Amino acid sequence: MPSSCKSSISPSKRKFLLTFASLAALYPIIRFLGFNVPKKPRIVEITKVLAAGEFHIASDFMLFDDGTDAWAISRRCTHLGCTVNYHEKEKIVECPCHQSRFTATGKVLHGPAKKNLASYKVEKLDAGGYIVTI
């Protein structure tokens, strides 16, 4: 073989460069396959005006108003996804499946659930009512 046709790159460098180039070419494809489109927020309008200490239970969230602040928490238990219920006398949220207990703000009191309930943004309307962003 003529000396002008010989490559000056050693075989180990060539293997490294080919591996690096292959990974660089595959990176965008791997990123695309793992990409999740974030959910579009759902906006729920509650026209009912709650007095201080009252609450409203919807199918997928609970809305509370203590007179100064309003908040909403998910009705889906963080343990296995059961629908939780609010016990007004005890002022706790309880899962009927495995008796996980939460405060009215969604913090875990008693397991087996280890994570707090999801909380949602609540906006009080001037005309009365609320807007909950899920």
N, C-alpha and C. Protein backbone atom coordinates (compact mmCIF):
# COMPACT_ATOMS: atom_id res chain seq x y z
N MET A 1 0.84 -1.16 0.00
CA MET A 1 0.00 0.00 0.00
C MET A 1 0.89 1.24 0.00
N PRO A 2 0.57 2.21 -0.81
CA PRO A 2 1.40 3.41 -0.84
C PRO A 2 1.29 4.17 0.46
N SER A 3 2.35 4.84 0.82
CA SER A 3 2.41 5.56 2.09
C SER A 3 1.46 6.76 2.11
N SER A 4 1.07 7.32 0.97
CA SER A 4 0.17 8.47 0.94
C SER A 4 -1.27 8.08 1.28
N CYS A 5 -1.64 6.78 1.15
CA CYS A 5 -3.00 6.31 1.43
C CYS A 5 -3.16 5.85 2.86
N LYS A 6 -2.10 5.68 3.59
CA LYS A 6 -2.20 5.20 4.96
C LYS A 6 -2.82 6.27 5.85
N SER A 7 -3.66 5.81 6.80
CA SER A 7 -4.31 6.72 7.75
C SER A 7 -3.36 6.99 8.90
N SER A 8 -3.37 8.22 9.38
CA SER A 8 -2.51 8.57 10.52
C SER A 8 -3.23 8.33 11.85
N ILE A 9 -4.49 7.87 11.82
CA ILE A 9 -5.27 7.63 13.04
C ILE A 9 -5.10 6.17 13.44
N SER A 10 -4.75 5.95 14.68
CA SER A 10 -4.56 4.58 15.16
C SER A 10 -5.93 3.88 15.27
N PRO A 11 -5.95 2.55 15.23
CA PRO A 11 -7.22 1.80 15.32
C PRO A 11 -8.00 2.09 16.61
N SER A 12 -7.31 2.29 17.73
CA SER A 12 -8.02 2.56 18.98
C SER A 12 -8.69 3.94 18.93
N LYS A 13 -8.03 4.92 18.32
CA LYS A 13 -8.63 6.25 18.17
C LYS A 13 -9.83 6.18 17.22
N ARG A 14 -9.69 5.42 16.16
CA ARG A 14 -10.77 5.27 15.18
C ARG A 14 -11.99 4.64 15.85
N LYS A 15 -11.76 3.61 16.67
CA LYS A 15 -12.87 2.95 17.36
C LYS A 15 -13.55 3.93 18.33
N PHE A 16 -12.75 4.71 19.04
CA PHE A 16 -13.30 5.71 19.95
C PHE A 16 -14.13 6.74 19.20
N LEU A 17 -13.60 7.26 18.11
CA LEU A 17 -14.32 8.27 17.34
C LEU A 17 -15.61 7.72 16.74
N LEU A 18 -15.61 6.48 16.25
CA LEU A 18 -16.82 5.86 15.73
C LEU A 18 -17.87 5.66 16.83
N THR A 19 -17.44 5.23 17.99
CA THR A 19 -18.36 5.04 19.12
C THR A 19 -18.96 6.39 19.53
N PHE A 20 -18.12 7.40 19.66
CA PHE A 20 -18.59 8.73 20.04
C PHE A 20 -19.57 9.29 19.00
N ALA A 21 -19.25 9.15 17.73
CA ALA A 21 -20.12 9.65 16.67
C ALA A 21 -21.46 8.91 16.66
N SER A 22 -21.42 7.60 16.92
CA SER A 22 -22.66 6.81 16.96
C SER A 22 -23.55 7.26 18.12
N LEU A 23 -22.94 7.46 19.28
CA LEU A 23 -23.71 7.92 20.44
C LEU A 23 -24.27 9.32 20.21
N ALA A 24 -23.47 10.18 19.60
CA ALA A 24 -23.92 11.54 19.32
C ALA A 24 -25.10 11.52 18.34
N ALA A 25 -25.11 10.59 17.40
CA ALA A 25 -26.20 10.49 16.43
C ALA A 25 -27.45 9.89 17.07
N LEU A 26 -27.29 8.99 18.03
CA LEU A 26 -28.43 8.34 18.68
C LEU A 26 -29.06 9.19 19.79
N TYR A 27 -28.33 10.12 20.34
CA TYR A 27 -28.81 10.93 21.45
C TYR A 27 -30.15 11.63 21.16
N PRO A 28 -30.31 12.32 20.03
CA PRO A 28 -31.61 12.97 19.77
C PRO A 28 -32.76 11.98 19.67
N ILE A 29 -32.50 10.81 19.13
CA ILE A 29 -33.56 9.80 19.01
C ILE A 29 -33.96 9.29 20.38
N ILE A 30 -33.01 9.03 21.24
CA ILE A 30 -33.30 8.56 22.59
C ILE A 30 -34.06 9.63 23.37
N ARG A 31 -33.66 10.88 23.23
CA ARG A 31 -34.37 11.99 23.90
C ARG A 31 -35.80 12.08 23.40
N PHE A 32 -36.01 11.91 22.12
CA PHE A 32 -37.36 11.99 21.55
C PHE A 32 -38.25 10.87 22.09
N LEU A 33 -37.72 9.66 22.16
CA LEU A 33 -38.50 8.52 22.63
C LEU A 33 -38.90 8.66 24.10
N GLY A 34 -38.07 9.30 24.90
CA GLY A 34 -38.35 9.46 26.32
C GLY A 34 -39.11 10.73 26.65
N PHE A 35 -39.48 11.51 25.67
CA PHE A 35 -40.13 12.80 25.92
C PHE A 35 -41.61 12.61 26.22
N ASN A 36 -42.10 13.24 27.26
CA ASN A 36 -43.51 13.23 27.60
C ASN A 36 -44.05 14.65 27.47
N VAL A 37 -45.17 14.79 26.81
CA VAL A 37 -45.80 16.09 26.69
C VAL A 37 -46.52 16.38 28.01
N PRO A 38 -46.21 17.51 28.66
CA PRO A 38 -46.88 17.81 29.92
C PRO A 38 -48.38 18.01 29.72
N LYS A 39 -49.15 17.59 30.73
CA LYS A 39 -50.60 17.73 30.64
C LYS A 39 -50.98 19.20 30.67
N LYS A 40 -52.00 19.53 29.91
CA LYS A 40 -52.53 20.87 29.90
C LYS A 40 -53.34 21.06 31.18
N PRO A 41 -53.14 22.16 31.92
CA PRO A 41 -53.88 22.34 33.16
C PRO A 41 -55.38 22.45 32.90
N ARG A 42 -56.15 21.87 33.80
CA ARG A 42 -57.61 21.93 33.71
C ARG A 42 -58.10 22.98 34.70
N ILE A 43 -58.97 23.85 34.25
CA ILE A 43 -59.49 24.92 35.10
C ILE A 43 -60.94 24.62 35.43
N VAL A 44 -61.25 24.60 36.73
CA VAL A 44 -62.60 24.30 37.20
C VAL A 44 -63.10 25.53 37.95
N GLU A 45 -64.29 26.00 37.58
CA GLU A 45 -64.88 27.14 38.27
C GLU A 45 -65.95 26.65 39.23
N ILE A 46 -65.84 27.05 40.48
CA ILE A 46 -66.82 26.72 41.51
C ILE A 46 -67.58 28.00 41.81
N THR A 47 -68.87 28.03 41.53
CA THR A 47 -69.66 29.25 41.73
C THR A 47 -70.20 29.36 43.15
N LYS A 48 -70.19 28.25 43.87
CA LYS A 48 -70.68 28.25 45.25
C LYS A 48 -69.73 29.06 46.13
N VAL A 49 -70.30 29.92 46.99
CA VAL A 49 -69.50 30.71 47.92
C VAL A 49 -69.45 29.94 49.23
N LEU A 50 -68.25 29.67 49.71
CA LEU A 50 -68.06 28.93 50.95
C LEU A 50 -67.84 29.89 52.11
N ALA A 51 -68.55 29.66 53.20
CA ALA A 51 -68.31 30.44 54.42
C ALA A 51 -67.06 29.90 55.09
N ALA A 52 -66.54 30.65 56.05
CA ALA A 52 -65.33 30.23 56.75
C ALA A 52 -65.56 28.87 57.39
N GLY A 53 -64.65 27.94 57.14
CA GLY A 53 -64.74 26.60 57.70
C GLY A 53 -65.51 25.62 56.85
N GLU A 54 -66.08 26.06 55.74
CA GLU A 54 -66.83 25.16 54.87
C GLU A 54 -65.90 24.53 53.83
N PHE A 55 -66.43 23.51 53.16
CA PHE A 55 -65.66 22.81 52.14
C PHE A 55 -66.59 22.38 51.02
N HIS A 56 -65.98 22.09 49.87
CA HIS A 56 -66.72 21.62 48.70
C HIS A 56 -65.99 20.39 48.19
N ILE A 57 -66.74 19.30 47.94
CA ILE A 57 -66.13 18.08 47.44
C ILE A 57 -66.56 17.86 46.00
N ALA A 58 -65.58 17.82 45.11
CA ALA A 58 -65.81 17.52 43.69
C ALA A 58 -65.34 16.09 43.45
N SER A 59 -65.47 15.62 42.23
CA SER A 59 -65.10 14.23 41.93
C SER A 59 -63.61 13.97 42.07
N ASP A 60 -62.77 14.96 41.81
CA ASP A 60 -61.32 14.71 41.86
C ASP A 60 -60.54 15.66 42.76
N PHE A 61 -61.23 16.55 43.50
CA PHE A 61 -60.54 17.41 44.46
C PHE A 61 -61.50 17.84 45.55
N MET A 62 -60.92 18.34 46.65
CA MET A 62 -61.68 18.92 47.75
C MET A 62 -61.22 20.35 47.93
N LEU A 63 -62.15 21.27 48.05
CA LEU A 63 -61.86 22.68 48.20
C LEU A 63 -62.22 23.09 49.62
N PHE A 64 -61.30 23.77 50.30
CA PHE A 64 -61.51 24.23 51.67
C PHE A 64 -61.33 25.74 51.72
N ASP A 65 -62.07 26.39 52.62
CA ASP A 65 -61.92 27.83 52.85
C ASP A 65 -62.02 28.07 54.35
N ASP A 66 -60.97 28.65 54.93
CA ASP A 66 -60.98 28.92 56.36
C ASP A 66 -61.31 30.39 56.67
N GLY A 67 -61.73 31.14 55.67
CA GLY A 67 -62.07 32.55 55.86
C GLY A 67 -60.98 33.48 55.38
N THR A 68 -59.72 33.09 55.55
CA THR A 68 -58.61 33.92 55.09
C THR A 68 -57.91 33.32 53.88
N ASP A 69 -57.97 32.02 53.78
CA ASP A 69 -57.27 31.33 52.69
C ASP A 69 -58.14 30.20 52.15
N ALA A 70 -57.96 29.89 50.88
CA ALA A 70 -58.65 28.78 50.24
C ALA A 70 -57.61 27.87 49.62
N TRP A 71 -57.84 26.56 49.70
CA TRP A 71 -56.92 25.60 49.11
C TRP A 71 -57.70 24.38 48.62
N ALA A 72 -57.09 23.66 47.72
CA ALA A 72 -57.70 22.44 47.18
C ALA A 72 -56.67 21.33 47.20
N ILE A 73 -57.14 20.13 47.52
CA ILE A 73 -56.28 18.95 47.52
C ILE A 73 -56.91 17.85 46.68
N SER A 74 -56.07 16.97 46.21
CA SER A 74 -56.52 15.85 45.39
C SER A 74 -57.32 14.85 46.21
N ARG A 75 -58.23 14.15 45.56
CA ARG A 75 -58.98 13.08 46.21
C ARG A 75 -58.35 11.72 45.91
N ARG A 76 -57.19 11.69 45.27
CA ARG A 76 -56.52 10.44 44.93
C ARG A 76 -55.43 10.16 45.96
N CYS A 77 -55.59 9.03 46.67
CA CYS A 77 -54.61 8.65 47.68
C CYS A 77 -53.26 8.36 47.01
N THR A 78 -52.20 8.76 47.69
CA THR A 78 -50.86 8.58 47.13
C THR A 78 -50.33 7.16 47.36
N HIS A 79 -51.07 6.34 48.07
CA HIS A 79 -50.63 4.96 48.31
C HIS A 79 -50.98 4.08 47.12
N LEU A 80 -52.28 3.89 46.83
CA LEU A 80 -52.69 3.05 45.71
C LEU A 80 -53.69 3.71 44.78
N GLY A 81 -54.00 4.99 45.00
CA GLY A 81 -54.86 5.71 44.09
C GLY A 81 -56.35 5.64 44.39
N CYS A 82 -56.73 5.17 45.56
CA CYS A 82 -58.15 5.13 45.93
C CYS A 82 -58.67 6.57 46.14
N THR A 83 -59.98 6.74 46.08
CA THR A 83 -60.59 8.06 46.30
C THR A 83 -60.78 8.28 47.79
N VAL A 84 -60.19 9.34 48.31
CA VAL A 84 -60.25 9.65 49.74
C VAL A 84 -61.52 10.42 50.08
N ASN A 85 -61.89 10.38 51.36
CA ASN A 85 -63.08 11.07 51.85
C ASN A 85 -62.71 11.99 53.00
N TYR A 86 -63.50 13.04 53.18
CA TYR A 86 -63.27 13.98 54.28
C TYR A 86 -64.24 13.68 55.41
N HIS A 87 -63.70 13.56 56.62
CA HIS A 87 -64.51 13.36 57.82
C HIS A 87 -64.59 14.69 58.54
N GLU A 88 -65.75 15.33 58.43
CA GLU A 88 -65.92 16.70 58.92
C GLU A 88 -65.75 16.79 60.44
N LYS A 89 -66.30 15.84 61.20
CA LYS A 89 -66.21 15.90 62.66
C LYS A 89 -64.76 15.82 63.14
N GLU A 90 -63.99 14.94 62.51
CA GLU A 90 -62.59 14.75 62.92
C GLU A 90 -61.65 15.70 62.20
N LYS A 91 -62.14 16.34 61.15
CA LYS A 91 -61.34 17.25 60.29
C LYS A 91 -60.12 16.54 59.71
N ILE A 92 -60.34 15.32 59.22
CA ILE A 92 -59.27 14.56 58.57
C ILE A 92 -59.77 14.02 57.24
N VAL A 93 -58.82 13.71 56.39
CA VAL A 93 -59.11 13.06 55.11
C VAL A 93 -58.61 11.62 55.26
N GLU A 94 -59.46 10.66 54.88
CA GLU A 94 -59.09 9.26 55.08
C GLU A 94 -59.33 8.45 53.81
N CYS A 95 -58.42 7.53 53.56
CA CYS A 95 -58.55 6.61 52.43
C CYS A 95 -59.32 5.38 52.90
N PRO A 96 -60.40 5.01 52.20
CA PRO A 96 -61.18 3.86 52.63
C PRO A 96 -60.49 2.51 52.35
N CYS A 97 -59.50 2.50 51.50
CA CYS A 97 -58.85 1.23 51.13
C CYS A 97 -57.92 0.70 52.22
N HIS A 98 -57.01 1.55 52.70
CA HIS A 98 -56.02 1.09 53.68
C HIS A 98 -55.89 2.05 54.86
N GLN A 99 -56.85 2.94 55.02
CA GLN A 99 -56.95 3.86 56.15
C GLN A 99 -55.77 4.81 56.32
N SER A 100 -55.17 5.24 55.22
CA SER A 100 -54.19 6.32 55.31
C SER A 100 -54.97 7.57 55.72
N ARG A 101 -54.38 8.38 56.58
CA ARG A 101 -55.04 9.59 57.04
C ARG A 101 -54.18 10.80 56.72
N PHE A 102 -54.88 11.89 56.38
CA PHE A 102 -54.23 13.13 55.98
C PHE A 102 -54.92 14.29 56.70
N THR A 103 -54.20 15.41 56.85
CA THR A 103 -54.82 16.62 57.36
C THR A 103 -55.68 17.22 56.25
N ALA A 104 -56.45 18.23 56.59
CA ALA A 104 -57.28 18.90 55.57
C ALA A 104 -56.42 19.64 54.55
N THR A 105 -55.15 19.85 54.86
CA THR A 105 -54.24 20.48 53.89
C THR A 105 -53.50 19.44 53.05
N GLY A 106 -53.74 18.14 53.34
CA GLY A 106 -53.17 17.07 52.52
C GLY A 106 -51.90 16.43 53.07
N LYS A 107 -51.46 16.81 54.26
CA LYS A 107 -50.24 16.22 54.82
C LYS A 107 -50.54 14.87 55.45
N VAL A 108 -49.63 13.92 55.30
CA VAL A 108 -49.82 12.57 55.82
C VAL A 108 -49.77 12.59 57.35
N LEU A 109 -50.78 11.98 57.96
CA LEU A 109 -50.80 11.80 59.41
C LEU A 109 -50.44 10.37 59.78
N HIS A 110 -50.92 9.44 58.95
CA HIS A 110 -50.81 8.02 59.30
C HIS A 110 -50.82 7.23 57.99
N GLY A 111 -49.86 6.32 57.83
CA GLY A 111 -49.69 5.56 56.59
C GLY A 111 -50.69 4.45 56.44
N PRO A 112 -50.56 3.69 55.37
CA PRO A 112 -49.36 3.36 54.62
C PRO A 112 -48.91 4.38 53.57
N ALA A 113 -49.72 5.39 53.26
CA ALA A 113 -49.28 6.41 52.30
C ALA A 113 -48.08 7.15 52.87
N LYS A 114 -47.09 7.41 52.03
CA LYS A 114 -45.89 8.11 52.47
C LYS A 114 -45.81 9.54 51.93
N LYS A 115 -46.52 9.81 50.85
CA LYS A 115 -46.49 11.14 50.23
C LYS A 115 -47.77 11.90 50.57
N ASN A 116 -47.63 13.22 50.65
CA ASN A 116 -48.79 14.09 50.87
C ASN A 116 -49.69 14.08 49.65
N LEU A 117 -50.95 14.43 49.84
CA LEU A 117 -51.87 14.56 48.70
C LEU A 117 -51.45 15.75 47.85
N ALA A 118 -51.70 15.67 46.56
CA ALA A 118 -51.37 16.77 45.66
C ALA A 118 -52.24 17.97 46.02
N SER A 119 -51.66 19.16 45.93
CA SER A 119 -52.43 20.38 46.18
C SER A 119 -52.56 21.15 44.87
N TYR A 120 -53.64 21.89 44.75
CA TYR A 120 -53.94 22.63 43.53
C TYR A 120 -54.07 24.11 43.82
N LYS A 121 -53.75 24.91 42.83
CA LYS A 121 -53.84 26.36 42.94
C LYS A 121 -55.31 26.78 42.97
N VAL A 122 -55.65 27.66 43.93
CA VAL A 122 -57.03 28.16 44.06
C VAL A 122 -56.99 29.68 44.01
N GLU A 123 -57.90 30.24 43.24
CA GLU A 123 -58.03 31.69 43.13
C GLU A 123 -59.45 32.07 43.54
N LYS A 124 -59.56 32.97 44.53
CA LYS A 124 -60.88 33.45 44.95
C LYS A 124 -61.33 34.53 43.97
N LEU A 125 -62.57 34.44 43.54
CA LEU A 125 -63.13 35.44 42.63
C LEU A 125 -63.76 36.57 43.42
N ASP A 126 -63.66 37.80 42.90
CA ASP A 126 -64.23 38.96 43.58
C ASP A 126 -65.75 38.86 43.68
N ALA A 127 -66.38 38.31 42.66
CA ALA A 127 -67.84 38.19 42.63
C ALA A 127 -68.32 37.00 43.47
N GLY A 128 -67.41 36.27 44.06
CA GLY A 128 -67.76 35.06 44.82
C GLY A 128 -67.46 33.84 43.99
N GLY A 129 -67.06 32.80 44.64
CA GLY A 129 -66.70 31.59 43.93
C GLY A 129 -65.20 31.42 43.86
N TYR A 130 -64.78 30.38 43.16
CA TYR A 130 -63.36 30.01 43.12
C TYR A 130 -63.01 29.47 41.75
N ILE A 131 -61.72 29.58 41.43
CA ILE A 131 -61.18 28.92 40.24
C ILE A 131 -60.07 28.00 40.72
N VAL A 132 -60.21 26.71 40.44
CA VAL A 132 -59.23 25.71 40.84
C VAL A 132 -58.51 25.24 39.59
N THR A 133 -57.19 25.30 39.62
CA THR A 133 -56.37 24.85 38.48
C THR A 133 -55.78 23.49 38.83
N ILE A 134 -56.21 22.49 38.08
CA ILE A 134 -55.75 21.12 38.32
C ILE A 134 -54.70 20.76 37.29
